[in-house]
Protein backbone atom coordinates (compact mmCIF):
# COMPACT_ATOMS: atom_id res chain seq x y z
CA UNK A 1 -86.56 37.24 -24.64
CA UNK A 2 -83.70 38.12 -26.88
CA UNK A 3 -82.69 40.49 -24.17
CA UNK A 4 -82.33 37.24 -22.02
CA UNK A 5 -80.53 35.31 -24.52
CA UNK A 6 -77.99 38.17 -24.74
CA UNK A 7 -77.60 38.07 -21.02
CA UNK A 8 -77.40 34.55 -20.88
CA UNK A 9 -74.67 34.61 -23.69
CA UNK A 10 -72.71 37.23 -21.72
CA UNK A 11 -73.03 35.36 -18.69
CA UNK A 12 -71.80 32.16 -20.24
CA UNK A 13 -68.98 33.93 -22.12
CA UNK A 14 -67.85 35.59 -18.90
CA UNK A 15 -67.80 32.24 -16.92
CA UNK A 16 -66.11 30.60 -20.10
CA UNK A 17 -63.50 33.44 -20.11
CA UNK A 18 -62.91 33.30 -16.10
CA UNK A 19 -62.80 29.31 -16.51
CA UNK A 20 -60.22 29.72 -19.32
CA UNK A 21 -58.31 32.22 -17.27
CA UNK A 22 -58.37 29.91 -14.33
CA UNK A 23 -57.12 27.11 -16.51
CA UNK A 24 -54.13 29.21 -17.81
CA UNK A 25 -53.36 30.14 -14.19
CA UNK A 26 -53.45 26.48 -13.29
CA UNK A 27 -51.36 25.45 -16.16
CA UNK A 28 -48.98 28.14 -15.46
CA UNK A 29 -48.83 27.06 -11.77
CA UNK A 30 -48.20 23.28 -12.74
CA UNK A 31 -45.51 24.46 -15.18
CA UNK A 32 -43.96 26.55 -12.64
CA UNK A 33 -43.93 23.84 -10.28
CA UNK A 34 -42.67 21.33 -12.73
CA UNK A 35 -39.77 23.68 -13.56
CA UNK A 36 -39.05 24.13 -9.80
CA UNK A 37 -39.01 20.36 -9.33
CA UNK A 38 -36.89 20.06 -12.29
CA UNK A 39 -34.50 22.66 -11.16
CA UNK A 40 -34.51 21.04 -7.66
CA UNK A 41 -33.59 17.72 -9.26
CA UNK A 42 -30.91 19.18 -11.50
CA UNK A 43 -29.42 21.06 -8.64
CA UNK A 44 -29.43 17.55 -6.45
CA UNK A 45 -27.96 15.89 -9.47
CA UNK A 46 -25.23 18.39 -9.81
CA UNK A 47 -24.62 18.52 -6.12
CA UNK A 48 -24.16 14.79 -6.00
CA UNK A 49 -22.10 14.79 -9.10
CA UNK A 50 -19.76 17.38 -7.54
CA UNK A 51 -19.48 15.50 -4.49
CA UNK A 52 -18.73 12.35 -6.19
CA UNK A 53 -16.12 14.06 -8.30
CA UNK A 54 -14.59 15.82 -5.38
CA UNK A 55 -14.61 12.46 -3.19
CA UNK A 56 -12.82 10.68 -6.30
CA UNK A 57 -10.28 13.58 -6.77
CA UNK A 58 -9.55 13.29 -3.04
CA UNK A 59 -9.28 9.68 -3.16
CA UNK A 60 -6.87 9.56 -6.22
CA UNK A 61 -4.73 12.48 -4.77
CA UNK A 62 -4.68 10.39 -1.43
CA UNK A 63 -3.72 7.26 -3.24
CA UNK A 64 -1.07 9.02 -5.51
CA UNK A 65 0.36 10.80 -2.17
CA UNK A 66 0.87 7.62 -0.51
CA UNK A 67 2.41 6.03 -3.50
CA UNK A 68 4.92 8.95 -3.87
CA UNK A 69 5.66 8.74 -0.22
CA UNK A 70 6.05 4.84 -0.43
CA UNK A 71 8.46 5.37 -3.39
CA UNK A 72 10.29 8.13 -1.63
CA UNK A 73 10.79 5.90 1.67
CA UNK A 74 11.92 2.96 -0.49
CA UNK A 75 14.55 5.22 -2.27
CA UNK A 76 15.72 6.69 1.17
CA UNK A 77 16.08 3.01 2.41
CA UNK A 78 17.98 1.89 -0.49
CA UNK A 79 20.16 5.06 -0.32
CA UNK A 80 20.89 4.47 3.47
CA UNK A 81 21.63 0.85 2.87
CA UNK A 82 24.14 1.81 0.17
CA UNK A 83 25.71 4.62 2.20
CA UNK A 84 26.02 1.86 5.12
CA UNK A 85 27.65 -0.59 2.86
CA UNK A 86 30.12 2.01 1.38
CA UNK A 87 30.84 3.20 4.94
CA UNK A 88 31.49 -0.29 6.13
CA UNK A 89 33.72 -0.82 3.13
CA UNK A 90 35.59 2.45 3.88
CA UNK A 91 36.14 1.26 7.48
CA UNK A 92 37.22 -2.08 6.31
CA UNK A 93 39.85 -0.58 4.12
CA UNK A 94 41.13 1.68 6.91
CA UNK A 95 41.50 -1.24 9.37
CA UNK A 96 43.22 -3.24 6.95
CA UNK A 97 45.75 -0.49 6.26
CA UNK A 98 46.30 0.17 9.90
CA UNK A 99 46.68 -3.76 10.33
CA UNK A 100 49.21 -3.67 7.62
CA UNK A 101 51.11 -0.64 8.96
CA UNK A 102 51.29 -2.05 12.53
CA UNK A 103 53.25 -5.02 10.90
CA UNK A 104 55.99 -2.64 9.66
CA UNK A 105 59.08 -1.14 11.28
CA UNK A 106 57.55 2.34 10.89
CA UNK A 107 54.90 1.24 13.48
CA UNK A 108 57.62 1.18 16.28
CA UNK A 109 58.74 4.46 15.19
CA UNK A 110 55.17 5.72 15.55
CA UNK A 111 54.66 4.57 18.86
CA UNK A 112 57.70 6.32 20.02
CA UNK A 113 56.57 9.35 18.45
CA UNK A 114 53.10 9.12 20.07
CA UNK A 115 54.58 8.48 23.42
CA UNK A 116 56.90 11.65 22.98
CA UNK A 117 53.72 13.88 22.09
CA UNK A 118 51.83 12.12 25.08
CA UNK A 119 54.66 13.18 27.49
CA UNK A 120 54.76 16.57 26.24
CA UNK A 121 51.05 16.93 27.16
CA UNK A 122 51.62 15.38 30.53
CA UNK A 123 54.71 17.61 31.25
CA UNK A 124 55.53 17.51 34.98
CA UNK A 125 54.25 13.82 35.48
CA UNK A 126 56.63 11.78 37.73
CA UNK A 127 55.03 8.39 36.54
CA UNK A 128 53.12 7.57 33.49
CA UNK A 129 51.01 4.67 32.77
CA UNK A 130 51.13 3.35 29.20
CA UNK A 131 48.33 1.15 27.74
CA UNK A 132 49.25 -0.81 24.66
CA UNK A 133 47.33 -3.61 22.93
CA UNK A 134 48.61 -7.19 23.66
CA UNK A 135 50.42 -7.18 20.05
CA UNK A 136 52.31 -4.18 21.12
CA UNK A 137 53.70 -5.18 24.41
CA UNK A 138 56.96 -6.03 22.63
CA UNK A 139 57.59 -2.52 22.15
CA UNK A 140 57.90 -1.75 26.06
CA UNK A 141 61.80 -1.78 26.20
CA UNK A 142 62.01 0.48 23.25
CA UNK A 143 59.49 2.97 24.33
CA UNK A 144 61.01 2.89 27.86
CA UNK A 145 64.20 3.89 26.35
CA UNK A 146 62.96 6.70 24.30
CA UNK A 147 61.95 8.52 27.75
CA UNK A 148 64.67 7.74 30.42
CA UNK A 149 63.61 10.86 32.11
CA UNK A 150 60.39 9.45 33.55
CA UNK A 151 59.21 6.20 35.17
CA UNK A 152 56.89 4.40 32.72
CA UNK A 153 54.58 1.67 33.69
CA UNK A 154 53.27 -0.60 30.80
CA UNK A 155 49.83 -2.57 30.88
CA UNK A 156 47.64 -4.32 28.18
CA UNK A 157 44.81 -2.56 27.04
CA UNK A 158 41.42 -3.57 25.32
CA UNK A 159 41.63 -1.69 22.15
CA UNK A 160 42.58 -3.60 18.90
CA UNK A 161 43.85 -1.44 16.38
CA UNK A 162 47.20 -0.12 17.77
CA UNK A 163 48.62 3.29 19.15
CA UNK A 164 48.72 4.03 22.84
CA UNK A 165 47.14 5.69 25.78
CA UNK A 166 49.15 7.55 28.22
CA UNK A 167 48.01 8.33 31.80
CA UNK A 168 49.38 10.36 34.66
CA UNK A 169 47.88 9.42 38.06
CA UNK A 170 49.39 12.24 39.81
CA UNK A 171 48.06 15.01 37.22
CA UNK A 172 45.05 13.14 36.75
CA UNK A 173 45.39 13.43 32.94
CA UNK A 174 44.96 10.95 30.16
CA UNK A 175 46.21 11.30 26.63
CA UNK A 176 44.36 8.88 24.04
CA UNK A 177 46.45 8.27 21.13
CA UNK A 178 45.11 4.86 20.23
CA UNK A 179 44.35 4.14 16.64
CA UNK A 180 40.83 2.95 17.93
CA UNK A 181 39.95 6.40 19.30
CA UNK A 182 41.13 7.91 15.76
CA UNK A 183 38.78 5.56 13.98
CA UNK A 184 36.00 6.45 16.44
CA UNK A 185 36.57 9.92 15.37
CA UNK A 186 36.57 8.92 11.70
CA UNK A 187 33.22 7.24 12.36
CA UNK A 188 31.87 10.37 14.12
CA UNK A 189 32.95 12.36 10.97
CA UNK A 190 31.36 10.08 8.76
CA UNK A 191 28.12 10.21 10.84
CA UNK A 192 28.05 14.04 10.77
CA UNK A 193 28.63 13.94 6.90
CA UNK A 194 26.36 11.13 6.15
CA UNK A 195 24.33 10.24 9.10
CA UNK A 196 26.22 6.86 9.15
CA UNK A 197 28.06 4.77 11.54
CA UNK A 198 31.33 3.14 10.70
CA UNK A 199 31.14 0.60 13.67
CA UNK A 200 31.90 -2.92 12.61
CA UNK A 201 29.59 -4.33 15.29
């Protein structure tokens, strides 16, 4: 019987050894699966954290960009308004100086010189129509006397600052020597330099 007991002991030992091995394999599998789940959970948490951080960075950058854009726009607007004010101040000074000049004796001499220059450009004209502002129609006789070689006709124009416009209907030419046109050119020059208009409208 001892032989049977030995066989039984060996059989039991073998079964216990296999059970122990199976238990180790099962525990190893559980451990592996648990580690895999932990790794997946960790990866998911890291992905979620990355997406959150990335989203927050994008949001902050967007808000900062909007803030910078808003600030730049406010600065541009303030600069444009100040430039406009300065342009209007300059134009007001120019108009005041022109108005003061038109009240001096030198203004009559200037009109005579402007007419002489215009007649040079209208050389060959038999008749010239001279347009003056209403305040300057009193200079008609002096202007006509300065150019007796040509027939001059005078009329009132709608410009306000001064100067004159000379036209030759037979030549189809016009010479604009009005101060209003010169002021318009000054306005255009300012617009080119600063993107502004000097119009007083």
